[in-house]
Amino acid sequence: MKKIVLENLLIKKILDNSVRIVKQQYMLTTKSRPSQKKTAIIHPESATITK
């Protein structure tokens, strides 16, 4: 059981980091590529689903 919990925490941590990276990329590329907006919205949702 502990192993599963640790794996879930690790997955959540990775997702949180990827969300942060996506947000940073989104902030940098908003003016040049508005299509990035979609990925910035999708990632936080998927992260909250897998908590």
PDB file of N, CA and C in Angstrom:
ATOM      1  N   MET A   1       0.828  -1.217   0.000  1.00  0.00           N
ATOM      2  CA  MET A   1       0.000   0.000   0.000  1.00  0.00           C
ATOM      3  C   MET A   1       0.864   1.271   0.000  1.00  0.00           C
ATOM      4  N   LYS A   2       1.889   1.282   0.825  1.00  0.00           N
ATOM      5  CA  LYS A   2       2.767   2.460   0.903  1.00  0.00           C
ATOM      6  C   LYS A   2       3.409   2.763  -0.450  1.00  0.00           C
ATOM      7  N   LYS A   3       3.797   1.705  -1.156  1.00  0.00           N
ATOM      8  CA  LYS A   3       4.444   1.887  -2.462  1.00  0.00           C
ATOM      9  C   LYS A   3       3.517   2.616  -3.434  1.00  0.00           C
ATOM     10  N   ILE A   4       2.243   2.240  -3.439  1.00  0.00           N
ATOM     11  CA  ILE A   4       1.256   2.868  -4.329  1.00  0.00           C
ATOM     12  C   ILE A   4       1.102   4.351  -3.985  1.00  0.00           C
ATOM     13  N   VAL A   5       1.019   4.654  -2.694  1.00  0.00           N
ATOM     14  CA  VAL A   5       0.875   6.047  -2.244  1.00  0.00           C
ATOM     15  C   VAL A   5       2.086   6.865  -2.682  1.00  0.00           C
ATOM     16  N   LEU A   6       3.283   6.323  -2.494  1.00  0.00           N
ATOM     17  CA  LEU A   6       4.508   7.019  -2.887  1.00  0.00           C
ATOM     18  C   LEU A   6       4.541   7.263  -4.390  1.00  0.00           C
ATOM     19  N   GLU A   7       4.123   6.262  -5.166  1.00  0.00           N
ATOM     20  CA  GLU A   7       4.086   6.414  -6.624  1.00  0.00           C
ATOM     21  C   GLU A   7       3.104   7.507  -7.029  1.00  0.00           C
ATOM     22  N   ASN A   8       1.944   7.543  -6.366  1.00  0.00           N
ATOM     23  CA  ASN A   8       0.947   8.576  -6.662  1.00  0.00           C
ATOM     24  C   ASN A   8       1.487   9.969  -6.337  1.00  0.00           C
ATOM     25  N   LEU A   9       2.180  10.091  -5.211  1.00  0.00           N
ATOM     26  CA  LEU A   9       2.773  11.376  -4.828  1.00  0.00           C
ATOM     27  C   LEU A   9       3.829  11.808  -5.842  1.00  0.00           C
ATOM     28  N   LEU A  10       4.611  10.839  -6.305  1.00  0.00           N
ATOM     29  CA  LEU A  10       5.647  11.119  -7.303  1.00  0.00           C
ATOM     30  C   LEU A  10       5.018  11.583  -8.615  1.00  0.00           C
ATOM     31  N   ILE A  11       3.958  10.900  -9.035  1.00  0.00           N
ATOM     32  CA  ILE A  11       3.234  11.284 -10.263  1.00  0.00           C
ATOM     33  C   ILE A  11       2.673  12.695 -10.118  1.00  0.00           C
ATOM     34  N   LYS A  12       2.077  12.965  -8.957  1.00  0.00           N
ATOM     35  CA  LYS A  12       1.501  14.294  -8.703  1.00  0.00           C
ATOM     36  C   LYS A  12       2.590  15.367  -8.760  1.00  0.00           C
ATOM     37  N   LYS A  13       3.744  15.068  -8.173  1.00  0.00           N
ATOM     38  CA  LYS A  13       4.854  16.015  -8.164  1.00  0.00           C
ATOM     39  C   LYS A  13       5.330  16.302  -9.591  1.00  0.00           C
ATOM     40  N   ILE A  14       5.458  15.254 -10.383  1.00  0.00           N
ATOM     41  CA  ILE A  14       5.874  15.405 -11.786  1.00  0.00           C
ATOM     42  C   ILE A  14       4.852  16.237 -12.555  1.00  0.00           C
ATOM     43  N   LEU A  15       3.569  15.955 -12.330  1.00  0.00           N
ATOM     44  CA  LEU A  15       2.498  16.709 -13.003  1.00  0.00           C
ATOM     45  C   LEU A  15       2.524  18.176 -12.590  1.00  0.00           C
ATOM     46  N   ASP A  16       2.710  18.430 -11.293  1.00  0.00           N
ATOM     47  CA  ASP A  16       2.777  19.813 -10.807  1.00  0.00           C
ATOM     48  C   ASP A  16       3.935  20.559 -11.471  1.00  0.00           C
ATOM     49  N   ASN A  17       5.078  19.876 -11.585  1.00  0.00           N
ATOM     50  CA  ASN A  17       6.243  20.479 -12.234  1.00  0.00           C
ATOM     51  C   ASN A  17       5.974  20.753 -13.707  1.00  0.00           C
ATOM     52  N   SER A  18       5.346  19.799 -14.390  1.00  0.00           N
ATOM     53  CA  SER A  18       5.046  19.977 -15.813  1.00  0.00           C
ATOM     54  C   SER A  18       4.040  21.105 -16.021  1.00  0.00           C
ATOM     55  N   VAL A  19       3.084  21.226 -15.094  1.00  0.00           N
ATOM     56  CA  VAL A  19       2.110  22.327 -15.164  1.00  0.00           C
ATOM     57  C   VAL A  19       2.834  23.664 -15.039  1.00  0.00           C
ATOM     58  N   ARG A  20       3.781  23.724 -14.104  1.00  0.00           N
ATOM     59  CA  ARG A  20       4.540  24.958 -13.888  1.00  0.00           C
ATOM     60  C   ARG A  20       5.337  25.318 -15.153  1.00  0.00           C
ATOM     61  N   ILE A  21       5.967  24.321 -15.757  1.00  0.00           N
ATOM     62  CA  ILE A  21       6.751  24.528 -16.983  1.00  0.00           C
ATOM     63  C   ILE A  21       5.845  24.995 -18.121  1.00  0.00           C
ATOM     64  N   VAL A  22       4.699  24.356 -18.256  1.00  0.00           N
ATOM     65  CA  VAL A  22       3.735  24.732 -19.306  1.00  0.00           C
ATOM     66  C   VAL A  22       3.280  26.173 -19.116  1.00  0.00           C
ATOM     67  N   LYS A  23       3.002  26.549 -17.875  1.00  0.00           N
ATOM     68  CA  LYS A  23       2.577  27.925 -17.590  1.00  0.00           C
ATOM     69  C   LYS A  23       3.675  28.916 -17.966  1.00  0.00           C
ATOM     70  N   GLN A  24       4.929  28.586 -17.654  1.00  0.00           N
ATOM     71  CA  GLN A  24       6.054  29.459 -17.998  1.00  0.00           C
ATOM     72  C   GLN A  24       6.172  29.596 -19.515  1.00  0.00           C
ATOM     73  N   GLN A  25       6.090  28.471 -20.221  1.00  0.00           N
ATOM     74  CA  GLN A  25       6.162  28.484 -21.685  1.00  0.00           C
ATOM     75  C   GLN A  25       5.001  29.284 -22.260  1.00  0.00           C
ATOM     76  N   TYR A  26       3.842  29.123 -21.649  1.00  0.00           N
ATOM     77  CA  TYR A  26       2.639  29.836 -22.098  1.00  0.00           C
ATOM     78  C   TYR A  26       2.827  31.348 -21.960  1.00  0.00           C
ATOM     79  N   MET A  27       3.388  31.762 -20.835  1.00  0.00           N
ATOM     80  CA  MET A  27       3.631  33.191 -20.604  1.00  0.00           C
ATOM     81  C   MET A  27       4.608  33.747 -21.652  1.00  0.00           C
ATOM     82  N   LEU A  28       5.597  32.945 -22.019  1.00  0.00           N
ATOM     83  CA  LEU A  28       6.604  33.383 -22.993  1.00  0.00           C
ATOM     84  C   LEU A  28       6.050  33.426 -24.416  1.00  0.00           C
ATOM     85  N   THR A  29       5.143  32.503 -24.736  1.00  0.00           N
ATOM     86  CA  THR A  29       4.712  32.349 -26.133  1.00  0.00           C
ATOM     87  C   THR A  29       3.287  32.844 -26.398  1.00  0.00           C
ATOM     88  N   THR A  30       2.703  33.550 -25.457  1.00  0.00           N
ATOM     89  CA  THR A  30       1.312  34.004 -25.623  1.00  0.00           C
ATOM     90  C   THR A  30       1.176  34.917 -26.839  1.00  0.00           C
ATOM     91  N   LYS A  31       2.092  35.848 -26.971  1.00  0.00           N
ATOM     92  CA  LYS A  31       1.997  36.844 -28.044  1.00  0.00           C
ATOM     93  C   LYS A  31       2.229  36.213 -29.415  1.00  0.00           C
ATOM     94  N   SER A  32       3.196  35.317 -29.513  1.00  0.00           N
ATOM     95  CA  SER A  32       3.532  34.730 -30.813  1.00  0.00           C
ATOM     96  C   SER A  32       2.608  33.571 -31.196  1.00  0.00           C
ATOM     97  N   ARG A  33       2.213  32.744 -30.198  1.00  0.00           N
ATOM     98  CA  ARG A  33       1.395  31.570 -30.512  1.00  0.00           C
ATOM     99  C   ARG A  33       0.223  31.426 -29.542  1.00  0.00           C
ATOM    100  N   PRO A  34      -0.933  31.959 -29.869  1.00  0.00           N
ATOM    101  CA  PRO A  34      -2.112  31.831 -28.994  1.00  0.00           C
ATOM    102  C   PRO A  34      -2.575  30.382 -28.807  1.00  0.00           C
ATOM    103  N   SER A  35      -2.180  29.481 -29.703  1.00  0.00           N
ATOM    104  CA  SER A  35      -2.596  28.074 -29.608  1.00  0.00           C
ATOM    105  C   SER A  35      -2.075  27.409 -28.333  1.00  0.00           C
ATOM    106  N   GLN A  36      -1.024  27.960 -27.737  1.00  0.00           N
ATOM    107  CA  GLN A  36      -0.473  27.433 -26.482  1.00  0.00           C
ATOM    108  C   GLN A  36      -1.491  27.491 -25.340  1.00  0.00           C
ATOM    109  N   LYS A  37      -2.447  28.383 -25.460  1.00  0.00           N
ATOM    110  CA  LYS A  37      -3.464  28.577 -24.427  1.00  0.00           C
ATOM    111  C   LYS A  37      -4.176  27.263 -24.101  1.00  0.00           C
ATOM    112  N   LYS A  38      -4.461  26.467 -25.132  1.00  0.00           N
ATOM    113  CA  LYS A  38      -5.173  25.206 -24.936  1.00  0.00           C
ATOM    114  C   LYS A  38      -4.381  24.255 -24.037  1.00  0.00           C
ATOM    115  N   THR A  39      -3.095  24.076 -24.299  1.00  0.00           N
ATOM    116  CA  THR A  39      -2.286  23.164 -23.489  1.00  0.00           C
ATOM    117  C   THR A  39      -2.191  23.667 -22.047  1.00  0.00           C
ATOM    118  N   ALA A  40      -2.121  24.967 -21.875  1.00  0.00           N
ATOM    119  CA  ALA A  40      -2.026  25.546 -20.530  1.00  0.00           C
ATOM    120  C   ALA A  40      -3.287  25.259 -19.718  1.00  0.00           C
ATOM    121  N   ILE A  41      -4.424  25.174 -20.415  1.00  0.00           N
ATOM    122  CA  ILE A  41      -5.690  24.882 -19.727  1.00  0.00           C
ATOM    123  C   ILE A  41      -5.823  23.384 -19.446  1.00  0.00           C
ATOM    124  N   ILE A  42      -5.447  22.558 -20.407  1.00  0.00           N
ATOM    125  CA  ILE A  42      -5.618  21.102 -20.274  1.00  0.00           C
ATOM    126  C   ILE A  42      -4.752  20.544 -19.133  1.00  0.00           C
ATOM    127  N   HIS A  43      -3.509  20.988 -19.026  1.00  0.00           N
ATOM    128  CA  HIS A  43      -2.585  20.401 -18.052  1.00  0.00           C
ATOM    129  C   HIS A  43      -3.032  20.519 -16.594  1.00  0.00           C
ATOM    130  N   PRO A  44      -3.426  21.696 -16.121  1.00  0.00           N
ATOM    131  CA  PRO A  44      -3.887  21.791 -14.728  1.00  0.00           C
ATOM    132  C   PRO A  44      -5.089  20.896 -14.442  1.00  0.00           C
ATOM    133  N   GLU A  45      -5.983  20.742 -15.407  1.00  0.00           N
ATOM    134  CA  GLU A  45      -7.156  19.885 -15.226  1.00  0.00           C
ATOM    135  C   GLU A  45      -6.735  18.427 -15.044  1.00  0.00           C
ATOM    136  N   SER A  46      -5.827  17.971 -15.889  1.00  0.00           N
ATOM    137  CA  SER A  46      -5.380  16.578 -15.795  1.00  0.00           C
ATOM    138  C   SER A  46      -4.637  16.338 -14.478  1.00  0.00           C
ATOM    139  N   ALA A  47      -3.940  17.357 -13.996  1.00  0.00           N
ATOM    140  CA  ALA A  47      -3.221  17.243 -12.725  1.00  0.00           C
ATOM    141  C   ALA A  47      -4.197  17.115 -11.554  1.00  0.00           C
ATOM    142  N   THR A  48      -5.295  17.874 -11.602  1.00  0.00           N
ATOM    143  CA  THR A  48      -6.257  17.812 -10.498  1.00  0.00           C
ATOM    144  C   THR A  48      -7.020  16.488 -10.521  1.00  0.00           C
ATOM    145  N   ILE A  49      -7.259  15.943 -11.706  1.00  0.00           N
ATOM    146  CA  ILE A  49      -7.970  14.661 -11.814  1.00  0.00           C
ATOM    147  C   ILE A  49      -7.140  13.543 -11.174  1.00  0.00           C
ATOM    148  N   THR A  50      -5.819  13.582 -11.337  1.00  0.00           N
ATOM    149  CA  THR A  50      -4.962  12.485 -10.888  1.00  0.00           C
ATOM    150  C   THR A  50      -4.449  12.665  -9.460  1.00  0.00           C
ATOM    151  N   LYS A  51      -4.948  13.642  -8.710  1.00  0.00           N
ATOM    152  CA  LYS A  51      -4.513  13.850  -7.316  1.00  0.00           C
ATOM    153  C   LYS A  51      -4.834  12.628  -6.460  1.00  0.00           C
TER     154      LYS A  51
END
